Protein backbone atom coordinates (compact mmCIF):
# COMPACT_ATOMS: atom_id res chain seq x y z
CA THR A 1 0.12 0.24 -0.04
CA ARG A 2 3.23 2.43 0.14
CA ARG A 3 3.57 1.94 -3.23
CA LEU A 4 0.13 3.85 -3.69
CA THR A 5 1.28 6.93 -1.63
CA ARG A 6 4.02 7.79 -2.21
CA GLY A 7 3.09 9.84 -5.65
CA ASP A 8 2.64 10.06 -8.69
CA ARG A 9 6.41 8.91 -10.09
CA ALA A 10 5.95 5.23 -7.38
CA LEU A 11 2.77 4.82 -9.97
CA ARG A 12 4.28 5.03 -13.51
CA GLY A 13 2.98 2.41 -15.44
CA LEU A 14 -0.47 2.03 -13.19
CA SER A 15 -3.71 2.33 -15.20
CA ALA A 16 -6.89 2.01 -12.40
CA VAL A 17 -11.08 2.58 -13.36
CA PHE A 18 -11.84 3.10 -10.64
CA ALA A 19 -16.25 1.66 -10.47
CA PRO A 20 -18.42 1.40 -7.11
CA GLY A 21 -16.35 0.20 -4.44
CA VAL A 22 -13.88 -1.10 -5.94
CA VAL A 23 -10.04 -0.23 -7.46
CA LEU A 24 -9.47 -1.59 -10.10
CA VAL A 25 -5.03 -1.16 -10.72
CA LEU A 26 -3.90 -2.30 -14.08
CA GLY A 27 -0.36 -3.57 -14.68
CA PRO A 28 2.38 -5.97 -15.17
CA ALA A 29 2.51 -8.12 -12.10
CA GLU A 30 5.98 -7.42 -10.68
CA GLU A 31 4.45 -3.73 -10.67
CA LEU A 32 1.94 -3.96 -8.57
CA PRO A 33 0.56 -2.79 -4.99
CA TRP A 34 1.16 -5.85 -2.83
CA CYS A 35 -1.21 -5.97 0.57
CA ALA A 36 -3.20 -7.59 2.61
CA GLY A 37 -7.53 -7.83 2.17
CA VAL A 38 -6.86 -7.18 -1.48
CA GLU A 39 -8.58 -9.32 -4.73
CA TYR A 40 -5.79 -10.06 -7.17
CA LEU A 41 -7.47 -11.28 -10.58
CA GLY A 42 -5.40 -12.92 -13.02
CA LEU A 43 -6.40 -14.30 -17.16
CA GLU A 44 -8.82 -16.86 -16.49
CA PRO A 45 -6.64 -18.77 -19.87
CA ALA A 46 -9.64 -21.13 -21.57
CA SER A 47 -11.25 -16.94 -22.29
CA GLY A 48 -9.98 -14.29 -24.69
CA GLY A 49 -11.08 -11.27 -22.66
CA LEU A 50 -12.23 -12.06 -18.50
CA LEU A 51 -10.07 -10.97 -15.28
CA VAL A 52 -11.15 -13.67 -12.45
CA PRO A 53 -10.12 -13.90 -9.14
CA THR A 54 -6.40 -15.51 -8.86
CA THR A 55 -8.81 -17.74 -5.87
CA ARG A 56 -11.51 -18.73 -7.60
CA ARG A 57 -12.80 -21.49 -10.30
CA PHE A 58 -15.04 -20.83 -12.75
CA GLU A 59 -18.56 -23.97 -12.94
CA LEU A 60 -19.20 -23.65 -16.52
CA ASP A 61 -17.16 -23.18 -19.57
CA PRO A 62 -15.28 -19.83 -19.18
CA ARG A 63 -16.16 -18.42 -22.48
CA LEU A 64 -19.77 -19.43 -22.67
CA VAL A 65 -19.49 -17.00 -19.44
CA GLU A 66 -17.52 -14.23 -21.33
CA ARG A 67 -19.44 -14.72 -24.24
CA ALA A 68 -23.05 -14.18 -22.02
CA LEU A 69 -21.30 -11.04 -20.12
CA ARG A 70 -20.56 -9.68 -23.77
CA LEU A 71 -24.40 -10.21 -24.79
CA GLY A 72 -25.47 -8.09 -21.47
CA LEU A 73 -23.63 -5.18 -21.34
CA GLY A 74 -22.95 -4.56 -25.55
CA LEU A 75 -19.17 -5.26 -25.70
CA SER A 76 -17.30 -7.15 -28.73
CA GLN A 77 -14.36 -6.88 -27.24
CA GLY A 78 -12.21 -5.65 -24.34
CA LEU A 79 -11.27 -6.91 -21.26
CA LEU A 80 -13.65 -7.48 -18.46
CA ALA A 81 -13.51 -8.18 -14.79
CA VAL A 82 -15.15 -10.47 -12.82
CA LEU A 83 -15.15 -9.43 -9.53
CA ALA A 84 -15.87 -13.07 -6.53
CA ASP A 85 -18.62 -10.35 -5.48
CA GLN A 86 -19.86 -11.18 -9.47
CA ARG A 87 -19.72 -7.49 -10.78
CA VAL A 88 -18.68 -6.71 -13.85
CA VAL A 89 -16.01 -4.36 -15.25
CA PRO A 90 -15.94 -3.67 -18.06
CA LEU A 91 -11.67 -2.30 -18.50
CA ASP A 92 -11.91 -0.22 -21.60
CA ARG A 93 -11.76 2.26 -20.06
CA ALA A 94 -9.06 2.36 -17.70
CA GLN A 95 -6.09 6.31 -17.24
CA PRO A 96 -3.12 6.52 -15.78
CA LEU A 97 -3.17 5.78 -12.44
CA SER A 98 -1.78 8.72 -9.83
CA ALA A 99 -2.16 10.18 -6.07
CA SER A 100 -4.42 13.36 -6.32
CA THR A 101 -6.75 10.39 -8.69
CA LEU A 102 -6.36 8.27 -6.25
CA SER A 103 -6.94 10.74 -3.01
CA TRP A 104 -10.44 12.06 -5.25
CA TYR A 105 -12.03 8.70 -5.27
CA LEU A 106 -11.37 8.11 -0.91
CA THR A 107 -12.18 11.32 -0.61
CA GLN A 108 -15.75 10.58 -2.73
CA THR A 109 -15.34 6.76 -0.42
CA GLU A 110 -14.72 7.46 2.36
CA ALA A 111 -17.35 11.01 2.49
CA ALA A 112 -20.43 8.21 1.19
CA ALA A 113 -19.81 5.62 3.93
CA PRO A 114 -22.01 5.41 6.47
């Protein structure tokens, strides 16, 4: 987590997608910040573009799951993140991660917390 609070230089090479209650940080595995309590996603080898929790497996054929998700979302290409809570987040709008953007998101998330 220290890397995420060190500023833009430490975040170089990473991109992010912000969704309600979650920040998806994308980048080379060796560049990702590792910390307890974070869910890591990896490319499902049997699919063309699903990132899934590294601790989970699909019960159905991942290719069928991906096809159904793409039809439902109206997306023909691009990576899709399937989170442990079953939410699906398209990753086509990933933007370079910056300290100011991350700080803004965390402030918004804290303000919205009950």
